[in-house]
Structures are given as C-alpha cells and as structure tokens.
C-alpha cells in the first residue's frame, strides 16, 4: 500500500511543465507523442520551451531525442528567439540543447534570421554556437560563414572566411567583402571586420 501511495505522489513531479501523450513504453526508451515541455531555472524563471510531434526519452542515458523541433527562448515572460530544426537532443539534465538539420534562429523583435546545419547551446553559458552553412540575413545585409557564435552581448561573431553582402534598394547585390572575422552588433545594427591580430579594419552602420 505504501509503495502505491509513493508512486502516486512522485509521478506528477516527473511531468511538471510537460504535457506529453505517451504512445509506447519499454524498459529503456519511452516514446512521446506531442511533447510540449518548459525548462525552468532554479529561481523558477522560464528558460526555454521545446515542442516536438515525435520524441523519445532514454531512461539509461537520461536524454531526449526529438524530431521537427521548435525551441522558444525566453527573456522574462517574453519569447526572445525561436529556433526550428529537423531534429534535436537534450542532455545533461536538459542543460545542453543540440539541434540538427535546417536550423533556423529567428528574433521576434527584428526581421533577422540566422541559419545553419547544427546548433549547440549550453543554457548556463548563454552562447549559441552554429556550424555548417551559416547564413544571417536582415533587411540590410547577408552574412555567410562556416561558423558563428551568438553571445549574450547581442554580438554575432562570424569566423573566416566570411562573405558579406549589402542589399540594394531592390535587394540587388551592392558589394561583397571577404574578411578574417566579422562581428555584427544586433543592438546598434553595425558590422565590424577584424584581422588575425584582432585589429578592427572597418565599421559600417546601417
């Protein structure tokens, strides 16, 4: 009787912030249909929510594998970024988020889109690392590189080689620059270029 009572008490704790429809279960992996889960900080603040139509939870490795993922990243009660991908993985007690395939990070406040093949995010470091066919676009510019980091300082660092394109009035190609590194400041809407010795060669504002 005591064992049954303990199970009834503990089960709701395991699904706080998660409203899945269980469709299959075995000893190792649990399949979940329509996962909708919110991850909170120790203080009770929303960090991110994650949605997937098909996912599995590995009871041995203690990680989630999800398909067709949507991640909403919060700033207070508001959504700051939305990330979509073909698949994703949550590890280390949901503190490491990995997204694979057609990764797209969008800002809800501005018309800005950051694309890549793969993204990894450690929620304790608040830095998003993208690799593979990275492409950033807004109303003024297009930036391409093999790798980019978006930090909490709202600066996107693009690693060499960088292809830079300023849009014309009709979105025509205006000019293009290759540089060692490029830094785009989301707040000031400016871009700077630096060489290997970290000296800034030029700064352009829009």
N, C-alpha and C. Protein backbone atom coordinates (compact mmCIF):
# COMPACT_ATOMS: atom_id res chain seq x y z
N UNK A 1 0.83 -1.20 0.00
CA UNK A 1 0.00 0.00 0.00
C UNK A 1 0.86 1.26 0.00
N UNK A 2 1.97 1.21 0.81
CA UNK A 2 2.85 2.37 0.85
C UNK A 2 3.53 2.61 -0.48
N UNK A 3 3.89 1.53 -1.19
CA UNK A 3 4.54 1.67 -2.49
C UNK A 3 3.61 2.33 -3.50
N UNK A 4 2.34 1.95 -3.49
CA UNK A 4 1.37 2.55 -4.40
C UNK A 4 1.19 4.03 -4.09
N UNK A 5 1.14 4.38 -2.84
CA UNK A 5 0.98 5.77 -2.43
C UNK A 5 2.17 6.62 -2.87
N UNK A 6 3.38 6.08 -2.71
CA UNK A 6 4.58 6.81 -3.13
C UNK A 6 4.58 7.04 -4.63
N UNK A 7 4.16 6.08 -5.42
CA UNK A 7 4.11 6.20 -6.88
C UNK A 7 3.15 7.31 -7.29
N UNK A 8 2.00 7.39 -6.63
CA UNK A 8 1.01 8.41 -6.96
C UNK A 8 1.53 9.79 -6.64
N UNK A 9 2.31 9.92 -5.57
CA UNK A 9 2.85 11.23 -5.18
C UNK A 9 3.98 11.66 -6.11
N UNK A 10 4.86 10.73 -6.50
CA UNK A 10 6.04 11.08 -7.27
C UNK A 10 5.75 11.31 -8.74
N UNK A 11 4.77 10.64 -9.30
CA UNK A 11 4.54 10.71 -10.74
C UNK A 11 4.27 12.11 -11.24
N UNK A 12 3.45 12.96 -10.60
CA UNK A 12 3.23 14.32 -11.11
C UNK A 12 4.48 15.16 -11.14
N UNK A 13 5.43 14.90 -10.21
CA UNK A 13 6.66 15.69 -10.18
C UNK A 13 7.47 15.47 -11.44
N UNK A 14 7.43 14.26 -11.96
CA UNK A 14 8.22 13.93 -13.15
C UNK A 14 7.71 14.62 -14.40
N UNK A 15 6.47 15.08 -14.41
CA UNK A 15 5.92 15.66 -15.63
C UNK A 15 5.55 17.13 -15.47
N UNK A 16 6.14 17.80 -14.49
CA UNK A 16 5.88 19.23 -14.33
C UNK A 16 6.38 19.98 -15.56
N UNK A 17 5.56 20.82 -16.14
CA UNK A 17 5.93 21.58 -17.32
C UNK A 17 5.93 20.76 -18.59
N UNK A 18 5.40 19.58 -18.57
CA UNK A 18 5.43 18.70 -19.74
C UNK A 18 4.07 18.06 -19.91
N UNK A 19 3.51 18.16 -21.12
CA UNK A 19 2.18 17.60 -21.35
C UNK A 19 2.22 16.61 -22.50
N UNK A 20 2.90 15.48 -22.35
CA UNK A 20 3.01 14.52 -23.45
C UNK A 20 1.84 13.54 -23.49
N UNK A 21 1.67 12.93 -24.64
CA UNK A 21 0.73 11.84 -24.81
C UNK A 21 1.55 10.59 -25.07
N UNK A 22 1.67 9.69 -24.09
CA UNK A 22 2.53 8.53 -24.21
C UNK A 22 1.90 7.53 -25.16
N UNK A 23 2.69 7.06 -26.12
CA UNK A 23 2.14 6.11 -27.08
C UNK A 23 2.82 4.74 -27.00
N UNK A 24 4.00 4.68 -26.37
CA UNK A 24 4.66 3.39 -26.25
C UNK A 24 5.72 3.50 -25.17
N UNK A 25 5.97 2.41 -24.44
CA UNK A 25 6.96 2.43 -23.38
C UNK A 25 7.61 1.07 -23.26
N UNK A 26 8.93 1.07 -23.05
CA UNK A 26 9.62 -0.17 -22.75
C UNK A 26 10.63 0.09 -21.64
N UNK A 27 11.51 -0.84 -21.43
CA UNK A 27 12.41 -0.74 -20.28
C UNK A 27 13.50 0.31 -20.48
N UNK A 28 13.83 0.65 -21.72
CA UNK A 28 14.94 1.56 -21.98
C UNK A 28 14.47 2.91 -22.50
N UNK A 29 13.61 2.89 -23.52
CA UNK A 29 13.19 4.15 -24.15
C UNK A 29 11.68 4.33 -24.06
N UNK A 30 11.30 5.55 -23.87
CA UNK A 30 9.88 5.90 -23.79
C UNK A 30 9.54 6.84 -24.94
N UNK A 31 8.62 6.43 -25.79
CA UNK A 31 8.20 7.26 -26.91
C UNK A 31 7.11 8.23 -26.47
N UNK A 32 7.23 9.45 -26.95
CA UNK A 32 6.30 10.51 -26.54
C UNK A 32 5.75 11.19 -27.77
N UNK A 33 4.45 11.32 -27.83
CA UNK A 33 3.78 12.00 -28.93
C UNK A 33 3.38 13.39 -28.46
N UNK A 34 3.70 14.42 -29.28
CA UNK A 34 3.33 15.81 -28.98
C UNK A 34 3.91 16.30 -27.66
N UNK A 35 5.23 16.23 -27.57
CA UNK A 35 5.92 16.75 -26.39
C UNK A 35 5.85 18.27 -26.37
N UNK A 36 5.50 18.83 -25.23
CA UNK A 36 5.47 20.28 -25.02
C UNK A 36 5.99 20.53 -23.61
N UNK A 37 7.28 20.89 -23.52
CA UNK A 37 7.95 20.94 -22.22
C UNK A 37 8.59 22.30 -21.99
N UNK A 38 8.52 22.79 -20.75
CA UNK A 38 9.13 24.05 -20.36
C UNK A 38 10.24 23.77 -19.36
N UNK A 39 11.41 24.37 -19.57
CA UNK A 39 12.54 24.23 -18.67
C UNK A 39 12.68 25.51 -17.86
N UNK A 40 12.75 25.35 -16.53
CA UNK A 40 12.83 26.49 -15.62
C UNK A 40 14.22 26.57 -14.98
N UNK A 41 14.57 27.78 -14.53
CA UNK A 41 15.79 27.96 -13.76
C UNK A 41 15.53 27.55 -12.31
N UNK A 42 16.58 27.55 -11.49
CA UNK A 42 16.42 27.22 -10.08
C UNK A 42 15.54 28.24 -9.36
N UNK A 43 15.49 29.47 -9.91
CA UNK A 43 14.67 30.51 -9.31
C UNK A 43 13.21 30.44 -9.78
N UNK A 44 12.93 29.55 -10.70
CA UNK A 44 11.57 29.41 -11.20
C UNK A 44 11.27 30.23 -12.44
N UNK A 45 12.31 30.81 -13.06
CA UNK A 45 12.11 31.60 -14.27
C UNK A 45 12.13 30.68 -15.49
N UNK A 46 11.34 31.01 -16.51
CA UNK A 46 11.34 30.25 -17.75
C UNK A 46 12.65 30.48 -18.49
N UNK A 47 13.29 29.40 -18.91
CA UNK A 47 14.50 29.49 -19.74
C UNK A 47 14.14 29.22 -21.19
N UNK A 48 13.52 28.08 -21.45
CA UNK A 48 13.07 27.77 -22.80
C UNK A 48 11.96 26.74 -22.76
N UNK A 49 11.20 26.70 -23.83
CA UNK A 49 10.22 25.63 -24.04
C UNK A 49 10.61 24.88 -25.29
N UNK A 50 10.23 23.62 -25.36
CA UNK A 50 10.58 22.81 -26.53
C UNK A 50 9.37 21.97 -26.93
N UNK A 51 9.11 21.95 -28.23
CA UNK A 51 7.94 21.28 -28.78
C UNK A 51 8.37 20.32 -29.88
N UNK A 52 7.80 19.13 -29.88
CA UNK A 52 8.11 18.15 -30.92
C UNK A 52 6.94 17.18 -31.08
N UNK A 53 6.57 16.85 -32.33
CA UNK A 53 5.48 15.90 -32.54
C UNK A 53 5.87 14.46 -32.20
N UNK A 54 7.18 14.14 -32.33
CA UNK A 54 7.66 12.79 -32.05
C UNK A 54 8.99 12.86 -31.31
N UNK A 55 9.07 12.20 -30.17
CA UNK A 55 10.30 12.21 -29.40
C UNK A 55 10.42 10.94 -28.57
N UNK A 56 11.64 10.69 -28.09
CA UNK A 56 11.88 9.55 -27.22
C UNK A 56 12.74 10.00 -26.03
N UNK A 57 12.50 9.37 -24.89
CA UNK A 57 13.30 9.63 -23.70
C UNK A 57 14.07 8.37 -23.33
N UNK A 58 15.39 8.49 -23.28
CA UNK A 58 16.26 7.36 -22.94
C UNK A 58 16.42 7.31 -21.42
N UNK A 59 15.90 6.26 -20.82
CA UNK A 59 15.91 6.16 -19.36
C UNK A 59 17.28 5.80 -18.80
N UNK A 60 18.16 5.29 -19.65
CA UNK A 60 19.51 4.95 -19.22
C UNK A 60 20.43 6.16 -19.36
N UNK A 61 20.42 6.77 -20.55
CA UNK A 61 21.27 7.94 -20.81
C UNK A 61 20.67 9.23 -20.24
N UNK A 62 19.39 9.20 -19.91
CA UNK A 62 18.68 10.36 -19.36
C UNK A 62 18.70 11.55 -20.33
N UNK A 63 18.36 11.29 -21.60
CA UNK A 63 18.30 12.36 -22.59
C UNK A 63 17.08 12.20 -23.48
N UNK A 64 16.74 13.30 -24.14
CA UNK A 64 15.62 13.34 -25.08
C UNK A 64 16.16 13.39 -26.50
N UNK A 65 15.53 12.67 -27.43
CA UNK A 65 15.78 12.80 -28.86
C UNK A 65 14.46 13.19 -29.51
N UNK A 66 14.48 14.31 -30.24
CA UNK A 66 13.23 14.87 -30.76
C UNK A 66 13.32 15.11 -32.26
N UNK A 67 12.17 15.02 -32.93
CA UNK A 67 12.07 15.32 -34.36
C UNK A 67 11.28 16.61 -34.55
N UNK A 68 11.56 17.31 -35.67
CA UNK A 68 10.82 18.53 -36.03
C UNK A 68 10.62 19.44 -34.81
N UNK A 69 11.75 19.96 -34.34
CA UNK A 69 11.76 20.67 -33.05
C UNK A 69 11.54 22.17 -33.19
N UNK A 70 10.80 22.73 -32.24
CA UNK A 70 10.67 24.17 -32.08
C UNK A 70 11.07 24.53 -30.65
N UNK A 71 12.04 25.43 -30.52
CA UNK A 71 12.50 25.89 -29.21
C UNK A 71 12.19 27.37 -29.07
N UNK A 72 11.51 27.75 -28.01
CA UNK A 72 11.25 29.14 -27.68
C UNK A 72 12.13 29.55 -26.51
N UNK A 73 12.95 30.57 -26.72
CA UNK A 73 13.87 31.02 -25.67
C UNK A 73 13.31 32.28 -25.04
N UNK A 74 13.21 32.26 -23.72
CA UNK A 74 12.53 33.34 -23.00
C UNK A 74 13.51 34.38 -22.46
N UNK A 75 13.00 35.61 -22.41
CA UNK A 75 13.64 36.70 -21.68
C UNK A 75 12.54 37.28 -20.78
N UNK A 76 12.57 36.88 -19.51
CA UNK A 76 11.43 37.17 -18.65
C UNK A 76 10.25 36.30 -19.06
N UNK A 77 9.11 36.92 -19.28
CA UNK A 77 7.92 36.20 -19.74
C UNK A 77 7.76 36.26 -21.26
N UNK A 78 8.64 37.01 -21.93
CA UNK A 78 8.54 37.18 -23.37
C UNK A 78 9.47 36.22 -24.10
N UNK A 79 9.07 35.82 -25.30
CA UNK A 79 9.92 34.98 -26.14
C UNK A 79 10.90 35.88 -26.90
N UNK A 80 12.18 35.60 -26.74
CA UNK A 80 13.22 36.40 -27.41
C UNK A 80 13.61 35.80 -28.76
N UNK A 81 13.86 34.50 -28.77
CA UNK A 81 14.24 33.80 -30.00
C UNK A 81 13.36 32.56 -30.18
N UNK A 82 13.15 32.20 -31.45
CA UNK A 82 12.51 30.94 -31.81
C UNK A 82 13.48 30.18 -32.70
N UNK A 83 13.74 28.91 -32.35
CA UNK A 83 14.65 28.08 -33.14
C UNK A 83 13.90 26.86 -33.64
N UNK A 84 14.01 26.59 -34.94
CA UNK A 84 13.42 25.40 -35.56
C UNK A 84 14.53 24.52 -36.14
N UNK A 85 14.30 23.21 -36.13
CA UNK A 85 15.27 22.29 -36.72
C UNK A 85 14.59 20.97 -37.05
N UNK A 86 15.29 20.15 -37.86
CA UNK A 86 14.75 18.85 -38.24
C UNK A 86 14.73 17.89 -37.05
N UNK A 87 15.75 17.98 -36.19
CA UNK A 87 15.82 17.12 -35.02
C UNK A 87 16.62 17.81 -33.93
N UNK A 88 16.56 17.25 -32.73
CA UNK A 88 17.30 17.85 -31.61
C UNK A 88 17.57 16.80 -30.54
N UNK A 89 18.43 17.18 -29.60
CA UNK A 89 18.79 16.30 -28.49
C UNK A 89 18.99 17.14 -27.24
N UNK A 90 18.45 16.67 -26.11
CA UNK A 90 18.63 17.33 -24.82
C UNK A 90 19.43 16.41 -23.92
N UNK A 91 20.54 16.92 -23.37
CA UNK A 91 21.39 16.12 -22.49
C UNK A 91 21.76 16.94 -21.26
N UNK A 92 22.47 16.27 -20.34
CA UNK A 92 22.95 16.92 -19.12
C UNK A 92 21.83 17.62 -18.35
N UNK A 93 20.79 16.84 -18.06
CA UNK A 93 19.64 17.37 -17.33
C UNK A 93 18.97 18.53 -18.06
N UNK A 94 18.90 18.41 -19.39
CA UNK A 94 18.26 19.39 -20.28
C UNK A 94 19.00 20.73 -20.33
N UNK A 95 20.27 20.75 -19.90
CA UNK A 95 21.06 21.99 -19.93
C UNK A 95 21.82 22.15 -21.25
N UNK A 96 22.03 21.06 -21.99
CA UNK A 96 22.68 21.12 -23.29
C UNK A 96 21.63 20.83 -24.36
N UNK A 97 21.45 21.80 -25.26
CA UNK A 97 20.48 21.67 -26.35
C UNK A 97 21.25 21.59 -27.66
N UNK A 98 21.05 20.51 -28.41
CA UNK A 98 21.68 20.35 -29.72
C UNK A 98 20.59 20.23 -30.78
N UNK A 99 20.73 21.02 -31.84
CA UNK A 99 19.75 20.99 -32.93
C UNK A 99 20.46 20.68 -34.24
N UNK A 100 19.85 19.79 -35.03
CA UNK A 100 20.46 19.34 -36.28
C UNK A 100 19.51 19.52 -37.46
N UNK A 101 20.10 19.93 -38.59
CA UNK A 101 19.36 19.97 -39.85
C UNK A 101 18.44 21.15 -40.02
N UNK A 102 18.74 21.99 -41.00
CA UNK A 102 17.91 23.16 -41.32
C UNK A 102 17.59 24.00 -40.08
N UNK A 103 18.64 24.28 -39.31
CA UNK A 103 18.46 25.08 -38.09
C UNK A 103 18.18 26.53 -38.47
N UNK A 104 17.14 27.10 -37.88
CA UNK A 104 16.78 28.49 -38.14
C UNK A 104 16.48 29.19 -36.82
N UNK A 105 17.25 30.22 -36.52
CA UNK A 105 17.05 31.03 -35.31
C UNK A 105 16.49 32.37 -35.72
N UNK A 106 15.31 32.71 -35.19
CA UNK A 106 14.65 33.96 -35.54
C UNK A 106 14.47 34.84 -34.31
N UNK A 107 14.65 36.13 -34.51
CA UNK A 107 14.35 37.11 -33.47
C UNK A 107 12.93 37.62 -33.67
N UNK A 108 12.16 37.67 -32.59
CA UNK A 108 10.78 38.15 -32.71
C UNK A 108 10.70 39.66 -32.73
N UNK A 109 11.74 40.33 -32.26
CA UNK A 109 11.73 41.80 -32.19
C UNK A 109 12.17 42.45 -33.49
N UNK A 110 12.98 41.74 -34.28
CA UNK A 110 13.51 42.30 -35.53
C UNK A 110 13.39 41.27 -36.64
N UNK A 111 13.44 41.75 -37.87
CA UNK A 111 13.37 40.86 -39.02
C UNK A 111 14.77 40.30 -39.30
N UNK A 112 15.20 39.37 -38.45
CA UNK A 112 16.53 38.80 -38.55
C UNK A 112 16.44 37.28 -38.45
N UNK A 113 17.16 36.59 -39.34
CA UNK A 113 17.16 35.13 -39.37
C UNK A 113 18.60 34.63 -39.45
N UNK A 114 18.94 33.67 -38.59
CA UNK A 114 20.26 33.05 -38.57
C UNK A 114 20.08 31.56 -38.83
N UNK A 115 20.69 31.07 -39.91
CA UNK A 115 20.55 29.67 -40.32
C UNK A 115 21.87 28.93 -40.19
N UNK A 116 21.78 27.61 -40.05
CA UNK A 116 22.96 26.76 -40.01
C UNK A 116 22.57 25.29 -40.04
N UNK A 117 23.57 24.43 -40.15
CA UNK A 117 23.31 22.99 -40.16
C UNK A 117 23.18 22.42 -38.76
N UNK A 118 23.92 23.01 -37.82
CA UNK A 118 23.98 22.45 -36.46
C UNK A 118 24.13 23.57 -35.45
N UNK A 119 23.41 23.47 -34.34
CA UNK A 119 23.50 24.47 -33.27
C UNK A 119 23.59 23.75 -31.93
N UNK A 120 24.49 24.24 -31.07
CA UNK A 120 24.58 23.74 -29.71
C UNK A 120 24.50 24.91 -28.76
N UNK A 121 23.74 24.71 -27.68
CA UNK A 121 23.51 25.78 -26.71
C UNK A 121 23.60 25.21 -25.30
N UNK A 122 24.52 25.76 -24.51
CA UNK A 122 24.62 25.44 -23.10
C UNK A 122 23.90 26.54 -22.35
N UNK A 123 22.78 26.22 -21.69
CA UNK A 123 21.95 27.26 -21.09
C UNK A 123 22.66 28.00 -19.97
N UNK A 124 23.72 27.40 -19.42
CA UNK A 124 24.46 28.07 -18.35
C UNK A 124 25.46 29.10 -18.88
N UNK A 125 25.80 29.00 -20.17
CA UNK A 125 26.75 29.94 -20.77
C UNK A 125 26.06 30.99 -21.64
N UNK A 126 24.83 30.76 -21.99
CA UNK A 126 24.04 31.69 -22.82
C UNK A 126 24.79 32.06 -24.09
N UNK A 127 25.34 31.06 -24.77
CA UNK A 127 26.00 31.28 -26.05
C UNK A 127 25.52 30.23 -27.03
N UNK A 128 25.14 30.68 -28.23
CA UNK A 128 24.65 29.78 -29.26
C UNK A 128 25.76 29.60 -30.30
N UNK A 129 26.17 28.36 -30.54
CA UNK A 129 27.24 28.07 -31.50
C UNK A 129 26.65 27.36 -32.71
N UNK A 130 26.79 27.98 -33.87
CA UNK A 130 26.30 27.40 -35.12
C UNK A 130 27.46 27.00 -36.01
N UNK A 131 27.32 25.87 -36.69
CA UNK A 131 28.33 25.42 -37.64
C UNK A 131 27.64 24.88 -38.89
N UNK A 132 28.33 25.01 -40.01
CA UNK A 132 27.85 24.47 -41.27
C UNK A 132 26.89 25.37 -42.00
N UNK A 133 27.35 25.96 -43.10
CA UNK A 133 26.50 26.79 -43.97
C UNK A 133 25.73 27.88 -43.19
N UNK A 134 26.47 28.58 -42.34
CA UNK A 134 25.84 29.63 -41.53
C UNK A 134 25.48 30.82 -42.42
N UNK A 135 24.27 31.31 -42.25
CA UNK A 135 23.79 32.43 -43.06
C UNK A 135 22.90 33.33 -42.19
N UNK A 136 23.27 34.61 -42.12
CA UNK A 136 22.48 35.61 -41.39
C UNK A 136 21.91 36.61 -42.38
N UNK A 137 20.63 36.96 -42.20
CA UNK A 137 20.02 37.92 -43.11
C UNK A 137 19.02 38.80 -42.37
N UNK A 138 19.06 40.10 -42.68
CA UNK A 138 18.01 41.03 -42.26
C UNK A 138 17.69 41.95 -43.44
N UNK A 139 17.09 43.08 -43.19
CA UNK A 139 16.68 43.96 -44.29
C UNK A 139 17.86 44.63 -44.99
N UNK A 140 19.02 44.66 -44.33
CA UNK A 140 20.16 45.40 -44.88
C UNK A 140 21.29 44.53 -45.42
N UNK A 141 21.51 43.37 -44.80
CA UNK A 141 22.73 42.61 -45.12
C UNK A 141 22.46 41.11 -45.19
N UNK A 142 23.44 40.43 -45.79
CA UNK A 142 23.54 38.97 -45.74
C UNK A 142 24.98 38.63 -45.38
N UNK A 143 25.15 37.76 -44.39
CA UNK A 143 26.47 37.30 -43.98
C UNK A 143 26.52 35.78 -44.06
N UNK A 144 27.61 35.25 -44.62
CA UNK A 144 27.78 33.80 -44.72
C UNK A 144 29.15 33.41 -44.19
N UNK A 145 29.19 32.30 -43.47
CA UNK A 145 30.46 31.77 -42.96
C UNK A 145 30.27 30.32 -42.54
N UNK A 146 31.36 29.58 -42.29
CA UNK A 146 31.22 28.18 -41.87
C UNK A 146 30.83 28.03 -40.41
N UNK A 147 31.03 29.11 -39.61
CA UNK A 147 30.77 29.02 -38.17
C UNK A 147 30.43 30.40 -37.62
N UNK A 148 29.55 30.44 -36.62
CA UNK A 148 29.20 31.71 -35.97
C UNK A 148 28.76 31.46 -34.54
N UNK A 149 29.04 32.44 -33.68
CA UNK A 149 28.61 32.40 -32.28
C UNK A 149 27.76 33.62 -31.98
N UNK A 150 26.63 33.39 -31.31
CA UNK A 150 25.80 34.48 -30.82
C UNK A 150 25.86 34.47 -29.31
N UNK A 151 26.38 35.58 -28.72
CA UNK A 151 26.54 35.66 -27.27
C UNK A 151 25.48 36.52 -26.62
N UNK A 152 25.52 36.57 -25.29
CA UNK A 152 24.54 37.35 -24.54
C UNK A 152 24.76 38.85 -24.71
N UNK A 153 25.89 39.25 -25.30
CA UNK A 153 26.16 40.66 -25.58
C UNK A 153 25.49 41.12 -26.87
N UNK A 154 24.68 40.24 -27.49
CA UNK A 154 23.97 40.55 -28.73
C UNK A 154 24.89 40.80 -29.92
N UNK A 155 26.05 40.19 -29.88
CA UNK A 155 27.01 40.28 -31.00
C UNK A 155 27.18 38.90 -31.61
N UNK A 156 27.03 38.82 -32.94
CA UNK A 156 27.24 37.58 -33.66
C UNK A 156 28.65 37.61 -34.25
N UNK A 157 29.47 36.65 -33.88
CA UNK A 157 30.83 36.55 -34.43
C UNK A 157 30.84 35.52 -35.55
N UNK A 158 31.25 35.97 -36.74
CA UNK A 158 31.34 35.09 -37.91
C UNK A 158 32.81 34.78 -38.16
N UNK A 159 33.13 33.50 -38.29
CA UNK A 159 34.50 33.06 -38.45
C UNK A 159 34.88 32.95 -39.92
N UNK A 160 36.16 33.17 -40.18
CA UNK A 160 36.65 33.19 -41.55
C UNK A 160 36.52 31.82 -42.23
N UNK A 161 36.33 31.85 -43.57
CA UNK A 161 36.14 33.05 -44.42
C UNK A 161 34.69 33.56 -44.35
N UNK A 162 34.55 34.87 -44.40
CA UNK A 162 33.24 35.50 -44.29
C UNK A 162 32.86 36.15 -45.61
N UNK A 163 31.66 35.91 -46.06
CA UNK A 163 31.13 36.55 -47.26
C UNK A 163 30.07 37.55 -46.81
N UNK A 164 30.22 38.78 -47.27
CA UNK A 164 29.38 39.87 -46.78
C UNK A 164 28.72 40.57 -47.95
N UNK A 165 27.41 40.76 -47.86
CA UNK A 165 26.68 41.36 -48.97
C UNK A 165 25.73 42.43 -48.43
N UNK A 166 25.86 43.64 -48.98
CA UNK A 166 24.94 44.73 -48.63
C UNK A 166 23.83 44.76 -49.68
N UNK A 167 22.59 44.76 -49.21
CA UNK A 167 21.46 44.76 -50.13
C UNK A 167 21.24 46.15 -50.72
N UNK A 168 20.86 46.16 -51.98
CA UNK A 168 20.48 47.41 -52.62
C UNK A 168 19.01 47.70 -52.37
N UNK A 169 18.51 48.72 -52.98
CA UNK A 169 17.12 49.11 -52.77
C UNK A 169 16.15 48.03 -53.22
N UNK A 170 16.54 47.25 -54.23
CA UNK A 170 15.69 46.18 -54.74
C UNK A 170 16.26 44.81 -54.38
N UNK A 171 17.00 44.78 -53.24
CA UNK A 171 17.66 43.56 -52.79
C UNK A 171 18.70 43.05 -53.80
N UNK A 172 19.22 43.97 -54.63
CA UNK A 172 20.27 43.60 -55.57
C UNK A 172 21.62 43.61 -54.86
N UNK A 173 22.55 42.88 -55.41
CA UNK A 173 23.89 42.84 -54.84
C UNK A 173 24.56 44.19 -54.99
N UNK A 174 25.07 44.75 -53.90
CA UNK A 174 25.73 46.04 -53.93
C UNK A 174 27.24 45.87 -53.92
N UNK A 175 27.77 45.25 -52.88
CA UNK A 175 29.16 44.84 -52.90
C UNK A 175 29.40 43.73 -51.89
N UNK A 176 30.53 43.10 -52.01
CA UNK A 176 30.82 41.89 -51.25
C UNK A 176 32.24 41.94 -50.73
N UNK A 177 32.46 41.47 -49.50
CA UNK A 177 33.77 41.54 -48.86
C UNK A 177 34.09 40.18 -48.24
N UNK A 178 35.31 39.74 -48.38
CA UNK A 178 35.79 38.57 -47.65
C UNK A 178 36.76 39.06 -46.58
N UNK A 179 36.60 38.59 -45.36
CA UNK A 179 37.46 39.05 -44.26
C UNK A 179 37.83 37.89 -43.37
N UNK A 180 38.74 38.13 -42.44
CA UNK A 180 39.11 37.09 -41.49
C UNK A 180 37.95 36.79 -40.54
N UNK A 181 37.44 37.83 -39.92
CA UNK A 181 36.31 37.68 -38.99
C UNK A 181 35.39 38.88 -39.12
N UNK A 182 34.12 38.66 -38.85
CA UNK A 182 33.14 39.75 -38.88
C UNK A 182 32.29 39.68 -37.62
N UNK A 183 31.92 40.87 -37.12
CA UNK A 183 31.12 40.95 -35.89
C UNK A 183 29.91 41.84 -36.17
N UNK A 184 28.72 41.25 -36.03
CA UNK A 184 27.51 42.03 -36.24
C UNK A 184 26.86 42.31 -34.90
N UNK A 185 26.64 43.60 -34.61
CA UNK A 185 26.01 44.03 -33.37
C UNK A 185 24.51 44.19 -33.61
N UNK A 186 23.72 43.35 -32.98
CA UNK A 186 22.27 43.37 -33.20
C UNK A 186 21.65 44.65 -32.69
N UNK A 187 22.13 45.17 -31.56
CA UNK A 187 21.54 46.37 -30.96
C UNK A 187 21.81 47.61 -31.79
N UNK A 188 23.07 47.80 -32.21
CA UNK A 188 23.44 49.01 -32.96
C UNK A 188 23.28 48.84 -34.46
N UNK A 189 22.99 47.59 -34.90
CA UNK A 189 22.87 47.28 -36.33
C UNK A 189 24.10 47.76 -37.10
N UNK A 190 25.26 47.35 -36.59
CA UNK A 190 26.53 47.70 -37.22
C UNK A 190 27.36 46.44 -37.37
N UNK A 191 28.29 46.49 -38.33
CA UNK A 191 29.17 45.35 -38.56
C UNK A 191 30.61 45.84 -38.58
N UNK A 192 31.51 45.08 -37.96
CA UNK A 192 32.94 45.41 -37.96
C UNK A 192 33.73 44.20 -38.44
N UNK A 193 34.88 44.48 -39.02
CA UNK A 193 35.76 43.43 -39.53
C UNK A 193 37.08 43.48 -38.79
N UNK A 194 37.65 42.32 -38.50
CA UNK A 194 38.95 42.28 -37.82
C UNK A 194 39.85 41.26 -38.48
N UNK A 195 41.15 41.47 -38.36
CA UNK A 195 42.15 40.55 -38.90
C UNK A 195 42.58 39.59 -37.81
N UNK A 196 43.57 38.77 -38.09
CA UNK A 196 44.03 37.77 -37.12
C UNK A 196 44.58 38.40 -35.85
N UNK A 197 45.14 39.60 -35.96
CA UNK A 197 45.67 40.27 -34.77
C UNK A 197 44.59 41.03 -34.01
N UNK A 198 43.31 40.83 -34.40
CA UNK A 198 42.14 41.41 -33.72
C UNK A 198 42.01 42.92 -33.93
N UNK A 199 42.77 43.49 -34.84
CA UNK A 199 42.63 44.91 -35.13
C UNK A 199 41.40 45.14 -36.02
N UNK A 200 40.60 46.11 -35.63
CA UNK A 200 39.40 46.42 -36.40
C UNK A 200 39.79 47.19 -37.65
N UNK A 201 39.39 46.67 -38.81
CA UNK A 201 39.73 47.31 -40.07
C UNK A 201 38.68 48.30 -40.51
N UNK A 202 37.41 48.01 -40.24
CA UNK A 202 36.35 48.93 -40.65
C UNK A 202 35.08 48.64 -39.88
N UNK A 203 34.24 49.68 -39.73
CA UNK A 203 32.95 49.55 -39.08
C UNK A 203 31.92 50.20 -39.98
N UNK A 204 30.79 49.49 -40.22
CA UNK A 204 29.72 50.01 -41.07
C UNK A 204 28.44 50.02 -40.28
N UNK A 205 27.72 51.15 -40.29
CA UNK A 205 26.44 51.27 -39.62
C UNK A 205 25.32 51.36 -40.66
N UNK A 206 24.15 50.90 -40.30
CA UNK A 206 23.00 50.95 -41.20
C UNK A 206 21.94 51.89 -40.66
